[in-house]
Amino acid sequence: MGTKTISLADDAYERLRAEKRENESFSDVVRRLTDGVSLEEYYGALSDDTADELEEIVSRRREERTNEHRKRVERIADAFE
């Protein structure tokens, strides 16, 4: 079985950790908490305006992260020159 690395906001991580039982992995927690849940159940829950706004926010944040990453890489490369 493969693994995936995901990013969680600190508060989301703390919520997940609070749900974790003794001898339970985070994968086990996610499986237990999402058993029987389908994202299809939430399709259409947001208005078109809200969905568009969220999409714009996500897109902007991805671009910011890409720019921040590029700057870090450039600083590191400059340090080795």
PDB file of N, CA and C in Angstrom:
ATOM      1  N   MET A   1       0.848  -1.165   0.000  1.00  0.00           N
ATOM      2  CA  MET A   1       0.000   0.000   0.000  1.00  0.00           C
ATOM      3  C   MET A   1       0.895   1.229   0.000  1.00  0.00           C
ATOM      4  N   GLY A   2       0.557   2.217  -0.827  1.00  0.00           N
ATOM      5  CA  GLY A   2       1.324   3.448  -0.916  1.00  0.00           C
ATOM      6  C   GLY A   2       0.928   4.431   0.164  1.00  0.00           C
ATOM      7  N   THR A   3       1.645   5.528   0.206  1.00  0.00           N
ATOM      8  CA  THR A   3       1.329   6.592   1.149  1.00  0.00           C
ATOM      9  C   THR A   3       1.259   7.907   0.403  1.00  0.00           C
ATOM     10  N   LYS A   4       0.557   8.869   0.977  1.00  0.00           N
ATOM     11  CA  LYS A   4       0.438  10.215   0.433  1.00  0.00           C
ATOM     12  C   LYS A   4       0.725  11.201   1.543  1.00  0.00           C
ATOM     13  N   THR A   5       1.359  12.275   1.195  1.00  0.00           N
ATOM     14  CA  THR A   5       1.606  13.346   2.143  1.00  0.00           C
ATOM     15  C   THR A   5       0.570  14.434   1.887  1.00  0.00           C
ATOM     16  N   ILE A   6      -0.094  14.874   2.948  1.00  0.00           N
ATOM     17  CA  ILE A   6      -1.097  15.929   2.815  1.00  0.00           C
ATOM     18  C   ILE A   6      -0.759  17.055   3.777  1.00  0.00           C
ATOM     19  N   SER A   7      -1.234  18.244   3.456  1.00  0.00           N
ATOM     20  CA  SER A   7      -1.062  19.395   4.336  1.00  0.00           C
ATOM     21  C   SER A   7      -2.367  19.662   5.053  1.00  0.00           C
ATOM     22  N   LEU A   8      -2.262  19.921   6.332  1.00  0.00           N
ATOM     23  CA  LEU A   8      -3.432  20.272   7.137  1.00  0.00           C
ATOM     24  C   LEU A   8      -3.134  21.553   7.889  1.00  0.00           C
ATOM     25  N   ALA A   9      -4.128  22.393   8.010  1.00  0.00           N
ATOM     26  CA  ALA A   9      -3.985  23.560   8.872  1.00  0.00           C
ATOM     27  C   ALA A   9      -3.806  23.055  10.299  1.00  0.00           C
ATOM     28  N   ASP A  10      -3.159  23.844  11.127  1.00  0.00           N
ATOM     29  CA  ASP A  10      -2.890  23.415  12.507  1.00  0.00           C
ATOM     30  C   ASP A  10      -4.163  23.022  13.243  1.00  0.00           C
ATOM     31  N   ASP A  11      -5.222  23.798  13.058  1.00  0.00           N
ATOM     32  CA  ASP A  11      -6.460  23.479  13.773  1.00  0.00           C
ATOM     33  C   ASP A  11      -7.079  22.175  13.278  1.00  0.00           C
ATOM     34  N   ALA A  12      -6.952  21.909  11.974  1.00  0.00           N
ATOM     35  CA  ALA A  12      -7.479  20.651  11.428  1.00  0.00           C
ATOM     36  C   ALA A  12      -6.687  19.462  11.960  1.00  0.00           C
ATOM     37  N   TYR A  13      -5.365  19.634  12.041  1.00  0.00           N
ATOM     38  CA  TYR A  13      -4.526  18.572  12.591  1.00  0.00           C
ATOM     39  C   TYR A  13      -4.903  18.288  14.044  1.00  0.00           C
ATOM     40  N   GLU A  14      -5.115  19.348  14.827  1.00  0.00           N
ATOM     41  CA  GLU A  14      -5.467  19.164  16.238  1.00  0.00           C
ATOM     42  C   GLU A  14      -6.812  18.447  16.378  1.00  0.00           C
ATOM     43  N   ARG A  15      -7.754  18.766  15.494  1.00  0.00           N
ATOM     44  CA  ARG A  15      -9.047  18.073  15.527  1.00  0.00           C
ATOM     45  C   ARG A  15      -8.883  16.590  15.215  1.00  0.00           C
ATOM     46  N   LEU A  16      -8.070  16.306  14.199  1.00  0.00           N
ATOM     47  CA  LEU A  16      -7.836  14.916  13.822  1.00  0.00           C
ATOM     48  C   LEU A  16      -7.114  14.178  14.943  1.00  0.00           C
ATOM     49  N   ARG A  17      -6.124  14.827  15.529  1.00  0.00           N
ATOM     50  CA  ARG A  17      -5.372  14.207  16.618  1.00  0.00           C
ATOM     51  C   ARG A  17      -6.278  13.942  17.824  1.00  0.00           C
ATOM     52  N   ALA A  18      -7.222  14.839  18.071  1.00  0.00           N
ATOM     53  CA  ALA A  18      -8.147  14.654  19.195  1.00  0.00           C
ATOM     54  C   ALA A  18      -9.046  13.438  18.992  1.00  0.00           C
ATOM     55  N   GLU A  19      -9.280  13.080  17.738  1.00  0.00           N
ATOM     56  CA  GLU A  19     -10.120  11.916  17.429  1.00  0.00           C
ATOM     57  C   GLU A  19      -9.342  10.607  17.486  1.00  0.00           C
ATOM     58  N   LYS A  20      -8.031  10.713  17.497  1.00  0.00           N
ATOM     59  CA  LYS A  20      -7.167   9.528  17.445  1.00  0.00           C
ATOM     60  C   LYS A  20      -7.242   8.738  18.753  1.00  0.00           C
ATOM     61  N   ARG A  21      -7.477   7.451  18.620  1.00  0.00           N
ATOM     62  CA  ARG A  21      -7.541   6.551  19.770  1.00  0.00           C
ATOM     63  C   ARG A  21      -6.180   5.888  19.986  1.00  0.00           C
ATOM     64  N   GLU A  22      -5.984   5.340  21.162  1.00  0.00           N
ATOM     65  CA  GLU A  22      -4.737   4.651  21.464  1.00  0.00           C
ATOM     66  C   GLU A  22      -4.511   3.532  20.445  1.00  0.00           C
ATOM     67  N   ASN A  23      -3.276   3.419  19.977  1.00  0.00           N
ATOM     68  CA  ASN A  23      -2.873   2.395  19.002  1.00  0.00           C
ATOM     69  C   ASN A  23      -3.576   2.537  17.657  1.00  0.00           C
ATOM     70  N   GLU A  24      -4.076   3.726  17.342  1.00  0.00           N
ATOM     71  CA  GLU A  24      -4.746   3.957  16.068  1.00  0.00           C
ATOM     72  C   GLU A  24      -3.876   4.907  15.237  1.00  0.00           C
ATOM     73  N   SER A  25      -3.658   4.558  13.983  1.00  0.00           N
ATOM     74  CA  SER A  25      -2.892   5.435  13.103  1.00  0.00           C
ATOM     75  C   SER A  25      -3.805   6.551  12.594  1.00  0.00           C
ATOM     76  N   PHE A  26      -3.211   7.595  12.023  1.00  0.00           N
ATOM     77  CA  PHE A  26      -4.026   8.656  11.444  1.00  0.00           C
ATOM     78  C   PHE A  26      -4.840   8.119  10.270  1.00  0.00           C
ATOM     79  N   SER A  27      -4.289   7.166   9.528  1.00  0.00           N
ATOM     80  CA  SER A  27      -5.059   6.537   8.447  1.00  0.00           C
ATOM     81  C   SER A  27      -6.287   5.840   9.007  1.00  0.00           C
ATOM     82  N   ASP A  28      -6.112   5.159  10.135  1.00  0.00           N
ATOM     83  CA  ASP A  28      -7.252   4.498  10.773  1.00  0.00           C
ATOM     84  C   ASP A  28      -8.317   5.507  11.188  1.00  0.00           C
ATOM     85  N   VAL A  29      -7.866   6.658  11.711  1.00  0.00           N
ATOM     86  CA  VAL A  29      -8.813   7.696  12.139  1.00  0.00           C
ATOM     87  C   VAL A  29      -9.615   8.199  10.953  1.00  0.00           C
ATOM     88  N   VAL A  30      -8.926   8.503   9.862  1.00  0.00           N
ATOM     89  CA  VAL A  30      -9.610   9.006   8.672  1.00  0.00           C
ATOM     90  C   VAL A  30     -10.604   7.967   8.159  1.00  0.00           C
ATOM     91  N   ARG A  31     -10.185   6.720   8.102  1.00  0.00           N
ATOM     92  CA  ARG A  31     -11.106   5.661   7.650  1.00  0.00           C
ATOM     93  C   ARG A  31     -12.333   5.573   8.549  1.00  0.00           C
ATOM     94  N   ARG A  32     -12.110   5.615   9.864  1.00  0.00           N
ATOM     95  CA  ARG A  32     -13.225   5.496  10.805  1.00  0.00           C
ATOM     96  C   ARG A  32     -14.187   6.675  10.680  1.00  0.00           C
ATOM     97  N   LEU A  33     -13.629   7.868  10.560  1.00  0.00           N
ATOM     98  CA  LEU A  33     -14.476   9.059  10.517  1.00  0.00           C
ATOM     99  C   LEU A  33     -15.183   9.250   9.186  1.00  0.00           C
ATOM    100  N   THR A  34     -14.655   8.661   8.131  1.00  0.00           N
ATOM    101  CA  THR A  34     -15.261   8.854   6.813  1.00  0.00           C
ATOM    102  C   THR A  34     -15.990   7.619   6.309  1.00  0.00           C
ATOM    103  N   ASP A  35     -16.098   6.608   7.123  1.00  0.00           N
ATOM    104  CA  ASP A  35     -16.774   5.387   6.708  1.00  0.00           C
ATOM    105  C   ASP A  35     -18.212   5.697   6.302  1.00  0.00           C
ATOM    106  N   GLY A  36     -18.543   5.376   5.076  1.00  0.00           N
ATOM    107  CA  GLY A  36     -19.900   5.577   4.601  1.00  0.00           C
ATOM    108  C   GLY A  36     -20.194   6.987   4.123  1.00  0.00           C
ATOM    109  N   VAL A  37     -19.201   7.877   4.127  1.00  0.00           N
ATOM    110  CA  VAL A  37     -19.399   9.254   3.688  1.00  0.00           C
ATOM    111  C   VAL A  37     -18.947   9.382   2.242  1.00  0.00           C
ATOM    112  N   SER A  38     -19.771   9.991   1.430  1.00  0.00           N
ATOM    113  CA  SER A  38     -19.434  10.224   0.032  1.00  0.00           C
ATOM    114  C   SER A  38     -19.496  11.719  -0.252  1.00  0.00           C
ATOM    115  N   LEU A  39     -18.499  12.234  -0.951  1.00  0.00           N
ATOM    116  CA  LEU A  39     -18.507  13.652  -1.301  1.00  0.00           C
ATOM    117  C   LEU A  39     -19.670  14.000  -2.220  1.00  0.00           C
ATOM    118  N   GLU A  40     -20.170  13.003  -2.930  1.00  0.00           N
ATOM    119  CA  GLU A  40     -21.311  13.250  -3.809  1.00  0.00           C
ATOM    120  C   GLU A  40     -22.528  13.748  -3.027  1.00  0.00           C
ATOM    121  N   GLU A  41     -22.608  13.400  -1.752  1.00  0.00           N
ATOM    122  CA  GLU A  41     -23.720  13.862  -0.929  1.00  0.00           C
ATOM    123  C   GLU A  41     -23.728  15.377  -0.789  1.00  0.00           C
ATOM    124  N   TYR A  42     -22.574  16.003  -0.973  1.00  0.00           N
ATOM    125  CA  TYR A  42     -22.450  17.446  -0.772  1.00  0.00           C
ATOM    126  C   TYR A  42     -22.476  18.235  -2.074  1.00  0.00           C
ATOM    127  N   TYR A  43     -22.599  17.530  -3.191  1.00  0.00           N
ATOM    128  CA  TYR A  43     -22.639  18.205  -4.483  1.00  0.00           C
ATOM    129  C   TYR A  43     -23.819  19.174  -4.507  1.00  0.00           C
ATOM    130  N   GLY A  44     -23.541  20.416  -4.903  1.00  0.00           N
ATOM    131  CA  GLY A  44     -24.594  21.425  -4.998  1.00  0.00           C
ATOM    132  C   GLY A  44     -24.893  22.134  -3.691  1.00  0.00           C
ATOM    133  N   ALA A  45     -24.129  21.822  -2.643  1.00  0.00           N
ATOM    134  CA  ALA A  45     -24.397  22.434  -1.336  1.00  0.00           C
ATOM    135  C   ALA A  45     -24.039  23.917  -1.330  1.00  0.00           C
ATOM    136  N   LEU A  46     -23.107  24.323  -2.162  1.00  0.00           N
ATOM    137  CA  LEU A  46     -22.699  25.726  -2.225  1.00  0.00           C
ATOM    138  C   LEU A  46     -23.393  26.426  -3.380  1.00  0.00           C
ATOM    139  N   SER A  47     -23.673  27.703  -3.178  1.00  0.00           N
ATOM    140  CA  SER A  47     -24.211  28.490  -4.286  1.00  0.00           C
ATOM    141  C   SER A  47     -23.106  28.660  -5.322  1.00  0.00           C
ATOM    142  N   ASP A  48     -23.482  28.986  -6.552  1.00  0.00           N
ATOM    143  CA  ASP A  48     -22.490  29.189  -7.608  1.00  0.00           C
ATOM    144  C   ASP A  48     -21.536  30.322  -7.241  1.00  0.00           C
ATOM    145  N   ASP A  49     -22.064  31.397  -6.646  1.00  0.00           N
ATOM    146  CA  ASP A  49     -21.221  32.526  -6.254  1.00  0.00           C
ATOM    147  C   ASP A  49     -20.193  32.109  -5.203  1.00  0.00           C
ATOM    148  N   THR A  50     -20.633  31.357  -4.209  1.00  0.00           N
ATOM    149  CA  THR A  50     -19.726  30.899  -3.158  1.00  0.00           C
ATOM    150  C   THR A  50     -18.677  29.961  -3.731  1.00  0.00           C
ATOM    151  N   ALA A  51     -19.097  29.052  -4.600  1.00  0.00           N
ATOM    152  CA  ALA A  51     -18.153  28.113  -5.220  1.00  0.00           C
ATOM    153  C   ALA A  51     -17.118  28.866  -6.047  1.00  0.00           C
ATOM    154  N   ASP A  52     -17.564  29.876  -6.804  1.00  0.00           N
ATOM    155  CA  ASP A  52     -16.636  30.673  -7.603  1.00  0.00           C
ATOM    156  C   ASP A  52     -15.647  31.418  -6.711  1.00  0.00           C
ATOM    157  N   GLU A  53     -16.143  31.972  -5.601  1.00  0.00           N
ATOM    158  CA  GLU A  53     -15.276  32.696  -4.674  1.00  0.00           C
ATOM    159  C   GLU A  53     -14.226  31.767  -4.063  1.00  0.00           C
ATOM    160  N   LEU A  54     -14.657  30.580  -3.650  1.00  0.00           N
ATOM    161  CA  LEU A  54     -13.705  29.616  -3.085  1.00  0.00           C
ATOM    162  C   LEU A  54     -12.680  29.178  -4.115  1.00  0.00           C
ATOM    163  N   GLU A  55     -13.122  28.969  -5.331  1.00  0.00           N
ATOM    164  CA  GLU A  55     -12.203  28.567  -6.390  1.00  0.00           C
ATOM    165  C   GLU A  55     -11.145  29.642  -6.629  1.00  0.00           C
ATOM    166  N   GLU A  56     -11.558  30.909  -6.600  1.00  0.00           N
ATOM    167  CA  GLU A  56     -10.627  32.020  -6.774  1.00  0.00           C
ATOM    168  C   GLU A  56      -9.623  32.081  -5.619  1.00  0.00           C
ATOM    169  N   ILE A  57     -10.095  31.890  -4.404  1.00  0.00           N
ATOM    170  CA  ILE A  57      -9.220  31.911  -3.235  1.00  0.00           C
ATOM    171  C   ILE A  57      -8.180  30.799  -3.323  1.00  0.00           C
ATOM    172  N   VAL A  58      -8.623  29.600  -3.674  1.00  0.00           N
ATOM    173  CA  VAL A  58      -7.708  28.460  -3.793  1.00  0.00           C
ATOM    174  C   VAL A  58      -6.688  28.719  -4.896  1.00  0.00           C
ATOM    175  N   SER A  59      -7.142  29.221  -6.015  1.00  0.00           N
ATOM    176  CA  SER A  59      -6.244  29.503  -7.133  1.00  0.00           C
ATOM    177  C   SER A  59      -5.210  30.549  -6.746  1.00  0.00           C
ATOM    178  N   ARG A  60      -5.652  31.614  -6.085  1.00  0.00           N
ATOM    179  CA  ARG A  60      -4.740  32.670  -5.659  1.00  0.00           C
ATOM    180  C   ARG A  60      -3.709  32.134  -4.659  1.00  0.00           C
ATOM    181  N   ARG A  61      -4.168  31.322  -3.709  1.00  0.00           N
ATOM    182  CA  ARG A  61      -3.257  30.763  -2.702  1.00  0.00           C
ATOM    183  C   ARG A  61      -2.237  29.820  -3.335  1.00  0.00           C
ATOM    184  N   ARG A  62      -2.665  29.029  -4.312  1.00  0.00           N
ATOM    185  CA  ARG A  62      -1.724  28.145  -5.013  1.00  0.00           C
ATOM    186  C   ARG A  62      -0.659  28.960  -5.730  1.00  0.00           C
ATOM    187  N   GLU A  63      -1.075  30.043  -6.357  1.00  0.00           N
ATOM    188  CA  GLU A  63      -0.123  30.898  -7.051  1.00  0.00           C
ATOM    189  C   GLU A  63       0.859  31.527  -6.058  1.00  0.00           C
ATOM    190  N   GLU A  64       0.350  31.979  -4.916  1.00  0.00           N
ATOM    191  CA  GLU A  64       1.221  32.554  -3.885  1.00  0.00           C
ATOM    192  C   GLU A  64       2.247  31.531  -3.399  1.00  0.00           C
ATOM    193  N   ARG A  65       1.792  30.294  -3.160  1.00  0.00           N
ATOM    194  CA  ARG A  65       2.711  29.246  -2.702  1.00  0.00           C
ATOM    195  C   ARG A  65       3.766  28.948  -3.757  1.00  0.00           C
ATOM    196  N   THR A  66       3.356  28.919  -5.019  1.00  0.00           N
ATOM    197  CA  THR A  66       4.301  28.677  -6.107  1.00  0.00           C
ATOM    198  C   THR A  66       5.352  29.780  -6.144  1.00  0.00           C
ATOM    199  N   ASN A  67       4.922  31.024  -6.014  1.00  0.00           N
ATOM    200  CA  ASN A  67       5.854  32.151  -6.019  1.00  0.00           C
ATOM    201  C   ASN A  67       6.781  32.097  -4.814  1.00  0.00           C
ATOM    202  N   GLU A  68       6.247  31.772  -3.638  1.00  0.00           N
ATOM    203  CA  GLU A  68       7.072  31.650  -2.443  1.00  0.00           C
ATOM    204  C   GLU A  68       8.112  30.542  -2.613  1.00  0.00           C
ATOM    205  N   HIS A  69       7.692  29.425  -3.187  1.00  0.00           N
ATOM    206  CA  HIS A  69       8.601  28.300  -3.417  1.00  0.00           C
ATOM    207  C   HIS A  69       9.705  28.707  -4.384  1.00  0.00           C
ATOM    208  N   ARG A  70       9.334  29.381  -5.453  1.00  0.00           N
ATOM    209  CA  ARG A  70      10.316  29.820  -6.447  1.00  0.00           C
ATOM    210  C   ARG A  70      11.348  30.741  -5.796  1.00  0.00           C
ATOM    211  N   LYS A  71      10.891  31.665  -4.956  1.00  0.00           N
ATOM    212  CA  LYS A  71      11.814  32.583  -4.277  1.00  0.00           C
ATOM    213  C   LYS A  71      12.765  31.833  -3.351  1.00  0.00           C
ATOM    214  N   ARG A  72      12.253  30.824  -2.627  1.00  0.00           N
ATOM    215  CA  ARG A  72      13.116  30.033  -1.740  1.00  0.00           C
ATOM    216  C   ARG A  72      14.170  29.284  -2.540  1.00  0.00           C
ATOM    217  N   VAL A  73      13.766  28.702  -3.645  1.00  0.00           N
ATOM    218  CA  VAL A  73      14.709  27.968  -4.497  1.00  0.00           C
ATOM    219  C   VAL A  73      15.771  28.915  -5.039  1.00  0.00           C
ATOM    220  N   GLU A  74      15.361  30.109  -5.457  1.00  0.00           N
ATOM    221  CA  GLU A  74      16.325  31.083  -5.971  1.00  0.00           C
ATOM    222  C   GLU A  74      17.311  31.505  -4.884  1.00  0.00           C
ATOM    223  N   ARG A  75      16.830  31.724  -3.650  1.00  0.00           N
ATOM    224  CA  ARG A  75      17.722  32.097  -2.549  1.00  0.00           C
ATOM    225  C   ARG A  75      18.738  30.994  -2.268  1.00  0.00           C
ATOM    226  N   ILE A  76      18.277  29.761  -2.299  1.00  0.00           N
ATOM    227  CA  ILE A  76      19.170  28.626  -2.060  1.00  0.00           C
ATOM    228  C   ILE A  76      20.195  28.533  -3.177  1.00  0.00           C
ATOM    229  N   ALA A  77      19.738  28.669  -4.412  1.00  0.00           N
ATOM    230  CA  ALA A  77      20.658  28.604  -5.558  1.00  0.00           C
ATOM    231  C   ALA A  77      21.681  29.730  -5.481  1.00  0.00           C
ATOM    232  N   ASP A  78      21.238  30.930  -5.099  1.00  0.00           N
ATOM    233  CA  ASP A  78      22.167  32.059  -4.970  1.00  0.00           C
ATOM    234  C   ASP A  78      23.198  31.796  -3.885  1.00  0.00           C
ATOM    235  N   ALA A  79      22.800  31.122  -2.830  1.00  0.00           N
ATOM    236  CA  ALA A  79      23.728  30.836  -1.737  1.00  0.00           C
ATOM    237  C   ALA A  79      24.831  29.885  -2.172  1.00  0.00           C
ATOM    238  N   PHE A  80      24.575  29.063  -3.162  1.00  0.00           N
ATOM    239  CA  PHE A  80      25.566  28.101  -3.623  1.00  0.00           C
ATOM    240  C   PHE A  80      26.442  28.649  -4.748  1.00  0.00           C
ATOM    241  N   GLU A  81      26.143  29.853  -5.216  1.00  0.00           N
ATOM    242  CA  GLU A  81      26.943  30.436  -6.301  1.00  0.00           C
ATOM    243  C   GLU A  81      28.193  31.067  -5.771  1.00  0.00           C
TER     244      GLU A  81
END
